[in-house]
């Protein structure tokens, strides 16, 4: 949806491991999306 429509990078983790490539999800996998953040 709108989360993925811009040019900002959204990080994805599957089962607590950050992934950079296309991965196959298995039943029971836990997926987390990390939106862009700024430091301060």
PDB file of N, CA and C in Angstrom:
ATOM      1  N   UNK A   1       0.836  -1.160   0.000  1.00  0.00           N
ATOM      2  CA  UNK A   1       0.000   0.000   0.000  1.00  0.00           C
ATOM      3  C   UNK A   1       0.889   1.233   0.000  1.00  0.00           C
ATOM      4  N   UNK A   2       0.484   2.271   0.689  1.00  0.00           N
ATOM      5  CA  UNK A   2       1.235   3.526   0.679  1.00  0.00           C
ATOM      6  C   UNK A   2       2.624   3.392   1.284  1.00  0.00           C
ATOM      7  N   UNK A   3       2.809   2.446   2.182  1.00  0.00           N
ATOM      8  CA  UNK A   3       4.113   2.256   2.819  1.00  0.00           C
ATOM      9  C   UNK A   3       5.195   1.965   1.791  1.00  0.00           C
ATOM     10  N   UNK A   4       4.840   1.292   0.700  1.00  0.00           N
ATOM     11  CA  UNK A   4       5.817   0.863  -0.288  1.00  0.00           C
ATOM     12  C   UNK A   4       5.807   1.706  -1.558  1.00  0.00           C
ATOM     13  N   UNK A   5       5.033   2.793  -1.597  1.00  0.00           N
ATOM     14  CA  UNK A   5       4.853   3.538  -2.839  1.00  0.00           C
ATOM     15  C   UNK A   5       5.936   4.579  -3.113  1.00  0.00           C
ATOM     16  N   UNK A   6       6.683   5.003  -2.119  1.00  0.00           N
ATOM     17  CA  UNK A   6       7.689   6.040  -2.315  1.00  0.00           C
ATOM     18  C   UNK A   6       9.058   5.480  -2.628  1.00  0.00           C
ATOM     19  N   UNK A   7      10.056   6.344  -2.617  1.00  0.00           N
ATOM     20  CA  UNK A   7      11.425   5.926  -2.875  1.00  0.00           C
ATOM     21  C   UNK A   7      12.194   5.677  -1.585  1.00  0.00           C
ATOM     22  N   UNK A   8      11.523   5.740  -0.460  1.00  0.00           N
ATOM     23  CA  UNK A   8      12.177   5.488   0.815  1.00  0.00           C
ATOM     24  C   UNK A   8      12.418   3.987   0.974  1.00  0.00           C
ATOM     25  N   UNK A   9      13.457   3.671   1.698  1.00  0.00           N
ATOM     26  CA  UNK A   9      13.810   2.272   1.915  1.00  0.00           C
ATOM     27  C   UNK A   9      13.091   1.746   3.150  1.00  0.00           C
ATOM     28  N   UNK A  10      12.427   0.628   2.988  1.00  0.00           N
ATOM     29  CA  UNK A  10      11.784  -0.058   4.099  1.00  0.00           C
ATOM     30  C   UNK A  10      12.547  -1.353   4.314  1.00  0.00           C
ATOM     31  N   UNK A  11      13.060  -1.556   5.515  1.00  0.00           N
ATOM     32  CA  UNK A  11      13.795  -2.790   5.835  1.00  0.00           C
ATOM     33  C   UNK A  11      12.796  -3.855   6.255  1.00  0.00           C
ATOM     34  N   UNK A  12      13.129  -5.103   5.964  1.00  0.00           N
ATOM     35  CA  UNK A  12      12.255  -6.220   6.290  1.00  0.00           C
ATOM     36  C   UNK A  12      13.048  -7.261   7.063  1.00  0.00           C
ATOM     37  N   UNK A  13      12.442  -7.800   8.093  1.00  0.00           N
ATOM     38  CA  UNK A  13      13.046  -8.903   8.846  1.00  0.00           C
ATOM     39  C   UNK A  13      12.082 -10.081   8.821  1.00  0.00           C
ATOM     40  N   UNK A  14      12.643 -11.259   8.650  1.00  0.00           N
ATOM     41  CA  UNK A  14      11.868 -12.492   8.732  1.00  0.00           C
ATOM     42  C   UNK A  14      12.471 -13.319   9.851  1.00  0.00           C
ATOM     43  N   UNK A  15      11.645 -13.661  10.815  1.00  0.00           N
ATOM     44  CA  UNK A  15      12.103 -14.437  11.974  1.00  0.00           C
ATOM     45  C   UNK A  15      13.306 -13.778  12.642  1.00  0.00           C
ATOM     46  N   UNK A  16      13.207 -12.471  12.852  1.00  0.00           N
ATOM     47  CA  UNK A  16      14.220 -11.672  13.562  1.00  0.00           C
ATOM     48  C   UNK A  16      15.525 -11.520  12.792  1.00  0.00           C
ATOM     49  N   UNK A  17      15.535 -11.813  11.490  1.00  0.00           N
ATOM     50  CA  UNK A  17      16.742 -11.673  10.678  1.00  0.00           C
ATOM     51  C   UNK A  17      16.458 -10.713   9.533  1.00  0.00           C
ATOM     52  N   UNK A  18      17.252  -9.632   9.423  1.00  0.00           N
ATOM     53  CA  UNK A  18      17.058  -8.695   8.319  1.00  0.00           C
ATOM     54  C   UNK A  18      17.357  -9.392   7.003  1.00  0.00           C
ATOM     55  N   UNK A  19      16.509  -9.149   6.009  1.00  0.00           N
ATOM     56  CA  UNK A  19      16.703  -9.751   4.693  1.00  0.00           C
ATOM     57  C   UNK A  19      16.824  -8.641   3.662  1.00  0.00           C
ATOM     58  N   UNK A  20      17.633  -8.864   2.640  1.00  0.00           N
ATOM     59  CA  UNK A  20      17.853  -7.880   1.585  1.00  0.00           C
ATOM     60  C   UNK A  20      17.317  -8.333   0.237  1.00  0.00           C
ATOM     61  N   UNK A  21      16.888  -9.549   0.137  1.00  0.00           N
ATOM     62  CA  UNK A  21      16.521 -10.114  -1.147  1.00  0.00           C
ATOM     63  C   UNK A  21      15.114 -10.698  -1.059  1.00  0.00           C
ATOM     64  N   UNK A  22      14.643 -11.202  -2.161  1.00  0.00           N
ATOM     65  CA  UNK A  22      13.335 -11.846  -2.171  1.00  0.00           C
ATOM     66  C   UNK A  22      13.449 -13.169  -1.418  1.00  0.00           C
ATOM     67  N   UNK A  23      12.584 -13.352  -0.441  1.00  0.00           N
ATOM     68  CA  UNK A  23      12.608 -14.564   0.374  1.00  0.00           C
ATOM     69  C   UNK A  23      11.260 -15.265   0.266  1.00  0.00           C
ATOM     70  N   UNK A  24      11.256 -16.555   0.460  1.00  0.00           N
ATOM     71  CA  UNK A  24      10.021 -17.327   0.487  1.00  0.00           C
ATOM     72  C   UNK A  24       9.549 -17.406   1.931  1.00  0.00           C
ATOM     73  N   UNK A  25       8.295 -17.042   2.142  1.00  0.00           N
ATOM     74  CA  UNK A  25       7.731 -17.128   3.487  1.00  0.00           C
ATOM     75  C   UNK A  25       7.136 -18.511   3.699  1.00  0.00           C
ATOM     76  N   UNK A  26       7.360 -19.039   4.880  1.00  0.00           N
ATOM     77  CA  UNK A  26       6.781 -20.317   5.264  1.00  0.00           C
ATOM     78  C   UNK A  26       5.715 -20.078   6.319  1.00  0.00           C
ATOM     79  N   UNK A  27       4.801 -21.003   6.436  1.00  0.00           N
ATOM     80  CA  UNK A  27       3.751 -20.888   7.439  1.00  0.00           C
ATOM     81  C   UNK A  27       4.383 -20.741   8.822  1.00  0.00           C
ATOM     82  N   UNK A  28       3.921 -19.756   9.554  1.00  0.00           N
ATOM     83  CA  UNK A  28       4.438 -19.522  10.892  1.00  0.00           C
ATOM     84  C   UNK A  28       5.579 -18.527  10.957  1.00  0.00           C
ATOM     85  N   UNK A  29       6.113 -18.082   9.798  1.00  0.00           N
ATOM     86  CA  UNK A  29       7.183 -17.083   9.808  1.00  0.00           C
ATOM     87  C   UNK A  29       6.665 -15.772  10.385  1.00  0.00           C
ATOM     88  N   UNK A  30       7.537 -15.054  11.070  1.00  0.00           N
ATOM     89  CA  UNK A  30       7.205 -13.748  11.619  1.00  0.00           C
ATOM     90  C   UNK A  30       7.883 -12.690  10.764  1.00  0.00           C
ATOM     91  N   UNK A  31       7.094 -11.728  10.275  1.00  0.00           N
ATOM     92  CA  UNK A  31       7.604 -10.686   9.382  1.00  0.00           C
ATOM     93  C   UNK A  31       7.456  -9.334  10.067  1.00  0.00           C
ATOM     94  N   UNK A  32       8.515  -8.518   9.988  1.00  0.00           N
ATOM     95  CA  UNK A  32       8.482  -7.169  10.552  1.00  0.00           C
ATOM     96  C   UNK A  32       8.962  -6.186   9.496  1.00  0.00           C
ATOM     97  N   UNK A  33       8.299  -5.027   9.415  1.00  0.00           N
ATOM     98  CA  UNK A  33       8.675  -3.961   8.493  1.00  0.00           C
ATOM     99  C   UNK A  33       9.203  -2.787   9.300  1.00  0.00           C
ATOM    100  N   UNK A  34      10.355  -2.252   8.881  1.00  0.00           N
ATOM    101  CA  UNK A  34      10.981  -1.125   9.561  1.00  0.00           C
ATOM    102  C   UNK A  34      10.987   0.076   8.625  1.00  0.00           C
ATOM    103  N   UNK A  35      10.153   1.085   8.885  1.00  0.00           N
ATOM    104  CA  UNK A  35      10.122   2.274   8.037  1.00  0.00           C
ATOM    105  C   UNK A  35      11.385   3.106   8.236  1.00  0.00           C
ATOM    106  N   UNK A  36      11.649   3.997   7.291  1.00  0.00           N
ATOM    107  CA  UNK A  36      12.818   4.875   7.428  1.00  0.00           C
ATOM    108  C   UNK A  36      12.708   5.719   8.700  1.00  0.00           C
ATOM    109  N   UNK A  37      13.830   5.904   9.372  1.00  0.00           N
ATOM    110  CA  UNK A  37      13.867   6.735  10.575  1.00  0.00           C
ATOM    111  C   UNK A  37      15.045   7.690  10.471  1.00  0.00           C
ATOM    112  N   UNK A  38      14.981   8.754  11.243  1.00  0.00           N
ATOM    113  CA  UNK A  38      16.099   9.692  11.275  1.00  0.00           C
ATOM    114  C   UNK A  38      16.708   9.685  12.662  1.00  0.00           C
ATOM    115  N   UNK A  39      17.979   9.925  12.709  1.00  0.00           N
ATOM    116  CA  UNK A  39      18.676   9.979  14.001  1.00  0.00           C
ATOM    117  C   UNK A  39      18.752  11.407  14.505  1.00  0.00           C
ATOM    118  N   UNK A  40      19.204  11.531  15.701  1.00  0.00           N
ATOM    119  CA  UNK A  40      19.294  12.882  16.224  1.00  0.00           C
ATOM    120  C   UNK A  40      20.311  12.993  17.311  1.00  0.00           C
TER     121      UNK A  40
END
